[in-house]
């Protein structure tokens, strides 16, 4: 009973501040949830939610904006294995995930790709991955954003467009362009 009395006294002395804090917090949560719902409703269900919409990359992914790519039919075989391509795709995601992009990790990953077929294989293994662009940086959605679906599914080219400055990542952008992906 004494704790309730102390709270009552605190509330009586600070009623305006307590009510304002509760109101602002509730309004912030309501606004955030409303924005997430609007974004989810506006996202076309037949596209991956990509930023550039339209087009296909020949691998069945839509909404990426990369047209005409046949998914690696460059007349040259990849020099890396499927396992290595998956590893490089994961390395690229880690390098671009959340605050601060690790440009050196991106350079290192692209240095291991010897030809356009390697780039196409890594692109294919990257596929569409959830991406949340925030004021503090972009990357994989976590927590409430993930639960609400407050993110876009983007391909490697779109992740790179959002995260890197081509001048800072050496030949990575030119290798993507050579393989037919717009960065």
C-alpha atoms as a PDB file:
ATOM      1  CA  UNK A   1       0.000   0.000   0.000  1.00  0.00           C
ATOM      2  CA  UNK A   2       2.894   2.315   0.746  1.00  0.00           C
ATOM      3  CA  UNK A   3       4.290   1.916  -2.814  1.00  0.00           C
ATOM      4  CA  UNK A   4       0.909   2.873  -4.264  1.00  0.00           C
ATOM      5  CA  UNK A   5       0.838   5.916  -2.017  1.00  0.00           C
ATOM      6  CA  UNK A   6       4.320   6.981  -3.179  1.00  0.00           C
ATOM      7  CA  UNK A   7       3.296   6.587  -6.812  1.00  0.00           C
ATOM      8  CA  UNK A   8       0.109   8.551  -6.143  1.00  0.00           C
ATOM      9  CA  UNK A   9       2.109  11.356  -4.598  1.00  0.00           C
ATOM     10  CA  UNK A  10       4.593  11.338  -7.483  1.00  0.00           C
ATOM     11  CA  UNK A  11       1.783  11.335 -10.037  1.00  0.00           C
ATOM     12  CA  UNK A  12      -0.058  14.183  -8.318  1.00  0.00           C
ATOM     13  CA  UNK A  13       3.113  16.263  -8.254  1.00  0.00           C
ATOM     14  CA  UNK A  14       4.113  15.455 -11.866  1.00  0.00           C
ATOM     15  CA  UNK A  15       0.796  14.784 -13.575  1.00  0.00           C
ATOM     16  CA  UNK A  16       1.570  16.887 -16.635  1.00  0.00           C
ATOM     17  CA  UNK A  17       4.987  15.268 -17.257  1.00  0.00           C
ATOM     18  CA  UNK A  18       3.700  11.706 -16.745  1.00  0.00           C
ATOM     19  CA  UNK A  19       0.704  12.221 -19.040  1.00  0.00           C
ATOM     20  CA  UNK A  20       2.867  13.922 -21.675  1.00  0.00           C
ATOM     21  CA  UNK A  21       5.401  11.076 -21.636  1.00  0.00           C
ATOM     22  CA  UNK A  22       2.670   8.446 -21.976  1.00  0.00           C
ATOM     23  CA  UNK A  23       0.983  10.391 -24.784  1.00  0.00           C
ATOM     24  CA  UNK A  24       4.181  10.960 -26.750  1.00  0.00           C
ATOM     25  CA  UNK A  25       5.215   7.313 -26.391  1.00  0.00           C
ATOM     26  CA  UNK A  26       1.803   6.077 -27.503  1.00  0.00           C
ATOM     27  CA  UNK A  27       1.745   8.479 -30.446  1.00  0.00           C
ATOM     28  CA  UNK A  28       5.236   7.368 -31.535  1.00  0.00           C
ATOM     29  CA  UNK A  29       4.237   3.684 -31.438  1.00  0.00           C
ATOM     30  CA  UNK A  30       1.001   4.382 -33.302  1.00  0.00           C
ATOM     31  CA  UNK A  31       2.818   6.419 -35.986  1.00  0.00           C
ATOM     32  CA  UNK A  32       5.492   3.758 -36.452  1.00  0.00           C
ATOM     33  CA  UNK A  33       2.915   0.968 -36.773  1.00  0.00           C
ATOM     34  CA  UNK A  34       0.806   3.022 -39.207  1.00  0.00           C
ATOM     35  CA  UNK A  35       3.832   3.734 -41.424  1.00  0.00           C
ATOM     36  CA  UNK A  36       4.735   0.036 -41.461  1.00  0.00           C
ATOM     37  CA  UNK A  37       1.188  -0.952 -42.431  1.00  0.00           C
ATOM     38  CA  UNK A  38       1.019   1.658 -45.200  1.00  0.00           C
ATOM     39  CA  UNK A  39       4.375   0.528 -46.567  1.00  0.00           C
ATOM     40  CA  UNK A  40       3.269  -3.118 -46.522  1.00  0.00           C
ATOM     41  CA  UNK A  41      -0.018  -2.315 -48.279  1.00  0.00           C
ATOM     42  CA  UNK A  42       1.690  -0.265 -50.996  1.00  0.00           C
ATOM     43  CA  UNK A  43       4.214  -3.031 -51.769  1.00  0.00           C
ATOM     44  CA  UNK A  44       3.034  -5.004 -54.822  1.00  0.00           C
ATOM     45  CA  UNK A  45       2.584  -8.646 -53.906  1.00  0.00           C
ATOM     46  CA  UNK A  46       4.004  -9.929 -57.199  1.00  0.00           C
ATOM     47  CA  UNK A  47       7.287  -8.080 -56.831  1.00  0.00           C
ATOM     48  CA  UNK A  48      10.099  -8.518 -54.389  1.00  0.00           C
ATOM     49  CA  UNK A  49       9.558  -5.039 -53.015  1.00  0.00           C
ATOM     50  CA  UNK A  50      12.676  -3.790 -54.759  1.00  0.00           C
ATOM     51  CA  UNK A  51      13.386  -0.105 -54.890  1.00  0.00           C
ATOM     52  CA  UNK A  52      13.505   0.008 -58.672  1.00  0.00           C
ATOM     53  CA  UNK A  53      10.529  -2.206 -59.520  1.00  0.00           C
ATOM     54  CA  UNK A  54       9.932  -3.862 -62.847  1.00  0.00           C
ATOM     55  CA  UNK A  55      12.059  -6.137 -64.921  1.00  0.00           C
ATOM     56  CA  UNK A  56      13.428  -9.567 -64.250  1.00  0.00           C
ATOM     57  CA  UNK A  57      16.931 -10.866 -63.915  1.00  0.00           C
ATOM     58  CA  UNK A  58      16.282 -14.133 -65.708  1.00  0.00           C
ATOM     59  CA  UNK A  59      16.478 -16.033 -62.435  1.00  0.00           C
ATOM     60  CA  UNK A  60      12.831 -15.518 -61.574  1.00  0.00           C
ATOM     61  CA  UNK A  61      13.270 -12.590 -59.193  1.00  0.00           C
ATOM     62  CA  UNK A  62      11.103  -9.615 -60.019  1.00  0.00           C
ATOM     63  CA  UNK A  63      11.278  -6.042 -58.860  1.00  0.00           C
ATOM     64  CA  UNK A  64      15.037  -5.717 -59.140  1.00  0.00           C
ATOM     65  CA  UNK A  65      15.278  -3.468 -62.177  1.00  0.00           C
ATOM     66  CA  UNK A  66      17.901  -5.682 -63.838  1.00  0.00           C
ATOM     67  CA  UNK A  67      16.610  -6.684 -67.255  1.00  0.00           C
ATOM     68  CA  UNK A  68      18.097  -8.980 -69.810  1.00  0.00           C
ATOM     69  CA  UNK A  69      20.493 -10.842 -67.540  1.00  0.00           C
ATOM     70  CA  UNK A  70      20.270 -14.527 -68.249  1.00  0.00           C
ATOM     71  CA  UNK A  71      21.577 -15.517 -64.844  1.00  0.00           C
ATOM     72  CA  UNK A  72      25.153 -16.238 -65.847  1.00  0.00           C
ATOM     73  CA  UNK A  73      25.049 -17.416 -69.473  1.00  0.00           C
ATOM     74  CA  UNK A  74      28.150 -15.479 -70.524  1.00  0.00           C
ATOM     75  CA  UNK A  75      29.818 -18.265 -72.505  1.00  0.00           C
ATOM     76  CA  UNK A  76      32.257 -18.671 -69.613  1.00  0.00           C
ATOM     77  CA  UNK A  77      31.957 -20.998 -66.639  1.00  0.00           C
ATOM     78  CA  UNK A  78      32.262 -19.715 -63.086  1.00  0.00           C
ATOM     79  CA  UNK A  79      35.664 -20.190 -61.490  1.00  0.00           C
ATOM     80  CA  UNK A  80      34.135 -20.481 -58.004  1.00  0.00           C
ATOM     81  CA  UNK A  81      31.940 -23.199 -56.527  1.00  0.00           C
ATOM     82  CA  UNK A  82      28.340 -22.781 -55.409  1.00  0.00           C
ATOM     83  CA  UNK A  83      29.526 -23.010 -51.796  1.00  0.00           C
ATOM     84  CA  UNK A  84      32.123 -20.276 -52.357  1.00  0.00           C
ATOM     85  CA  UNK A  85      29.516 -18.097 -54.110  1.00  0.00           C
ATOM     86  CA  UNK A  86      27.141 -18.481 -51.147  1.00  0.00           C
ATOM     87  CA  UNK A  87      29.982 -17.626 -48.782  1.00  0.00           C
ATOM     88  CA  UNK A  88      30.836 -14.492 -50.794  1.00  0.00           C
ATOM     89  CA  UNK A  89      27.156 -13.453 -50.895  1.00  0.00           C
ATOM     90  CA  UNK A  90      26.968 -13.758 -47.103  1.00  0.00           C
ATOM     91  CA  UNK A  91      30.260 -11.855 -46.754  1.00  0.00           C
ATOM     92  CA  UNK A  92      28.845  -9.027 -48.883  1.00  0.00           C
ATOM     93  CA  UNK A  93      25.670  -8.857 -46.788  1.00  0.00           C
ATOM     94  CA  UNK A  94      27.725  -8.750 -43.578  1.00  0.00           C
ATOM     95  CA  UNK A  95      29.880  -5.966 -45.025  1.00  0.00           C
ATOM     96  CA  UNK A  96      26.831  -3.824 -45.810  1.00  0.00           C
ATOM     97  CA  UNK A  97      24.693  -4.699 -42.791  1.00  0.00           C
ATOM     98  CA  UNK A  98      23.726  -1.779 -40.501  1.00  0.00           C
ATOM     99  CA  UNK A  99      25.867   1.142 -39.471  1.00  0.00           C
ATOM    100  CA  UNK A 100      29.092   1.550 -41.331  1.00  0.00           C
ATOM    101  CA  UNK A 101      29.834  -0.288 -44.552  1.00  0.00           C
ATOM    102  CA  UNK A 102      33.015  -2.372 -44.634  1.00  0.00           C
ATOM    103  CA  UNK A 103      34.361  -1.316 -48.027  1.00  0.00           C
ATOM    104  CA  UNK A 104      37.490  -3.462 -47.684  1.00  0.00           C
ATOM    105  CA  UNK A 105      35.389  -6.616 -47.186  1.00  0.00           C
ATOM    106  CA  UNK A 106      33.456  -5.747 -50.366  1.00  0.00           C
ATOM    107  CA  UNK A 107      36.702  -5.214 -52.290  1.00  0.00           C
ATOM    108  CA  UNK A 108      38.064  -8.527 -50.967  1.00  0.00           C
ATOM    109  CA  UNK A 109      34.892 -10.402 -51.963  1.00  0.00           C
ATOM    110  CA  UNK A 110      34.912  -9.008 -55.498  1.00  0.00           C
ATOM    111  CA  UNK A 111      38.651  -9.717 -55.841  1.00  0.00           C
ATOM    112  CA  UNK A 112      37.760 -13.417 -55.549  1.00  0.00           C
ATOM    113  CA  UNK A 113      35.398 -13.147 -58.540  1.00  0.00           C
ATOM    114  CA  UNK A 114      37.405 -13.655 -61.740  1.00  0.00           C
ATOM    115  CA  UNK A 115      34.747 -13.228 -64.444  1.00  0.00           C
ATOM    116  CA  UNK A 116      31.147 -12.211 -65.151  1.00  0.00           C
ATOM    117  CA  UNK A 117      29.942 -15.752 -64.511  1.00  0.00           C
ATOM    118  CA  UNK A 118      31.375 -15.574 -60.964  1.00  0.00           C
ATOM    119  CA  UNK A 119      29.571 -12.283 -60.349  1.00  0.00           C
ATOM    120  CA  UNK A 120      26.315 -13.732 -61.721  1.00  0.00           C
ATOM    121  CA  UNK A 121      26.642 -16.790 -59.477  1.00  0.00           C
ATOM    122  CA  UNK A 122      27.235 -14.662 -56.372  1.00  0.00           C
ATOM    123  CA  UNK A 123      24.303 -12.440 -57.392  1.00  0.00           C
ATOM    124  CA  UNK A 124      22.116 -15.537 -57.755  1.00  0.00           C
ATOM    125  CA  UNK A 125      23.206 -16.902 -54.356  1.00  0.00           C
ATOM    126  CA  UNK A 126      22.546 -13.498 -52.765  1.00  0.00           C
ATOM    127  CA  UNK A 127      19.007 -13.618 -54.134  1.00  0.00           C
ATOM    128  CA  UNK A 128      16.522 -11.284 -52.484  1.00  0.00           C
ATOM    129  CA  UNK A 129      17.324 -10.418 -48.888  1.00  0.00           C
ATOM    130  CA  UNK A 130      15.372  -8.244 -46.475  1.00  0.00           C
ATOM    131  CA  UNK A 131      16.721  -4.685 -46.302  1.00  0.00           C
ATOM    132  CA  UNK A 132      15.634  -1.876 -44.000  1.00  0.00           C
ATOM    133  CA  UNK A 133      16.814   1.648 -44.780  1.00  0.00           C
ATOM    134  CA  UNK A 134      16.883   3.831 -41.661  1.00  0.00           C
ATOM    135  CA  UNK A 135      18.343   7.158 -40.614  1.00  0.00           C
ATOM    136  CA  UNK A 136      21.055   5.280 -38.711  1.00  0.00           C
ATOM    137  CA  UNK A 137      21.992   3.091 -41.684  1.00  0.00           C
ATOM    138  CA  UNK A 138      20.546   0.194 -43.593  1.00  0.00           C
ATOM    139  CA  UNK A 139      20.686  -3.533 -43.271  1.00  0.00           C
ATOM    140  CA  UNK A 140      18.806  -6.594 -42.157  1.00  0.00           C
ATOM    141  CA  UNK A 141      15.608  -5.710 -40.278  1.00  0.00           C
ATOM    142  CA  UNK A 142      15.440  -6.733 -36.650  1.00  0.00           C
ATOM    143  CA  UNK A 143      12.819  -6.759 -33.941  1.00  0.00           C
ATOM    144  CA  UNK A 144       9.577  -4.923 -34.629  1.00  0.00           C
ATOM    145  CA  UNK A 145      10.603  -4.048 -38.204  1.00  0.00           C
ATOM    146  CA  UNK A 146      11.066  -7.708 -39.034  1.00  0.00           C
ATOM    147  CA  UNK A 147       7.829  -8.728 -37.334  1.00  0.00           C
ATOM    148  CA  UNK A 148       5.782  -6.015 -39.066  1.00  0.00           C
ATOM    149  CA  UNK A 149       7.394  -6.627 -42.445  1.00  0.00           C
ATOM    150  CA  UNK A 150       8.661  -3.051 -42.462  1.00  0.00           C
ATOM    151  CA  UNK A 151      11.407  -3.702 -45.018  1.00  0.00           C
ATOM    152  CA  UNK A 152      12.032  -4.382 -48.696  1.00  0.00           C
ATOM    153  CA  UNK A 153      13.412  -7.563 -50.251  1.00  0.00           C
ATOM    154  CA  UNK A 154      16.344  -6.390 -52.384  1.00  0.00           C
ATOM    155  CA  UNK A 155      18.916  -8.036 -54.624  1.00  0.00           C
ATOM    156  CA  UNK A 156      22.691  -7.533 -54.387  1.00  0.00           C
ATOM    157  CA  UNK A 157      22.671  -4.613 -56.845  1.00  0.00           C
ATOM    158  CA  UNK A 158      20.030  -2.748 -54.829  1.00  0.00           C
ATOM    159  CA  UNK A 159      21.877  -3.400 -51.547  1.00  0.00           C
ATOM    160  CA  UNK A 160      25.014  -1.975 -53.147  1.00  0.00           C
ATOM    161  CA  UNK A 161      23.161   1.057 -54.540  1.00  0.00           C
ATOM    162  CA  UNK A 162      21.912   1.804 -51.031  1.00  0.00           C
ATOM    163  CA  UNK A 163      25.158   1.135 -49.179  1.00  0.00           C
ATOM    164  CA  UNK A 164      28.265   1.872 -51.242  1.00  0.00           C
ATOM    165  CA  UNK A 165      29.912   4.698 -53.092  1.00  0.00           C
ATOM    166  CA  UNK A 166      31.496   3.113 -56.169  1.00  0.00           C
ATOM    167  CA  UNK A 167      34.628   5.237 -55.741  1.00  0.00           C
ATOM    168  CA  UNK A 168      35.268   3.523 -52.385  1.00  0.00           C
ATOM    169  CA  UNK A 169      34.948  -0.120 -53.451  1.00  0.00           C
ATOM    170  CA  UNK A 170      37.480  -0.479 -56.228  1.00  0.00           C
ATOM    171  CA  UNK A 171      36.408  -2.684 -59.133  1.00  0.00           C
ATOM    172  CA  UNK A 172      33.255  -3.994 -57.414  1.00  0.00           C
ATOM    173  CA  UNK A 173      30.856  -1.689 -59.264  1.00  0.00           C
ATOM    174  CA  UNK A 174      32.569  -2.164 -62.622  1.00  0.00           C
ATOM    175  CA  UNK A 175      32.441  -5.955 -62.195  1.00  0.00           C
ATOM    176  CA  UNK A 176      28.713  -5.724 -61.403  1.00  0.00           C
ATOM    177  CA  UNK A 177      28.161  -3.513 -64.465  1.00  0.00           C
ATOM    178  CA  UNK A 178      30.169  -5.842 -66.681  1.00  0.00           C
ATOM    179  CA  UNK A 179      27.957  -8.739 -65.554  1.00  0.00           C
ATOM    180  CA  UNK A 180      24.843  -6.716 -66.398  1.00  0.00           C
ATOM    181  CA  UNK A 181      23.790  -5.404 -62.989  1.00  0.00           C
ATOM    182  CA  UNK A 182      23.100  -1.697 -62.453  1.00  0.00           C
ATOM    183  CA  UNK A 183      24.765  -0.394 -59.283  1.00  0.00           C
END
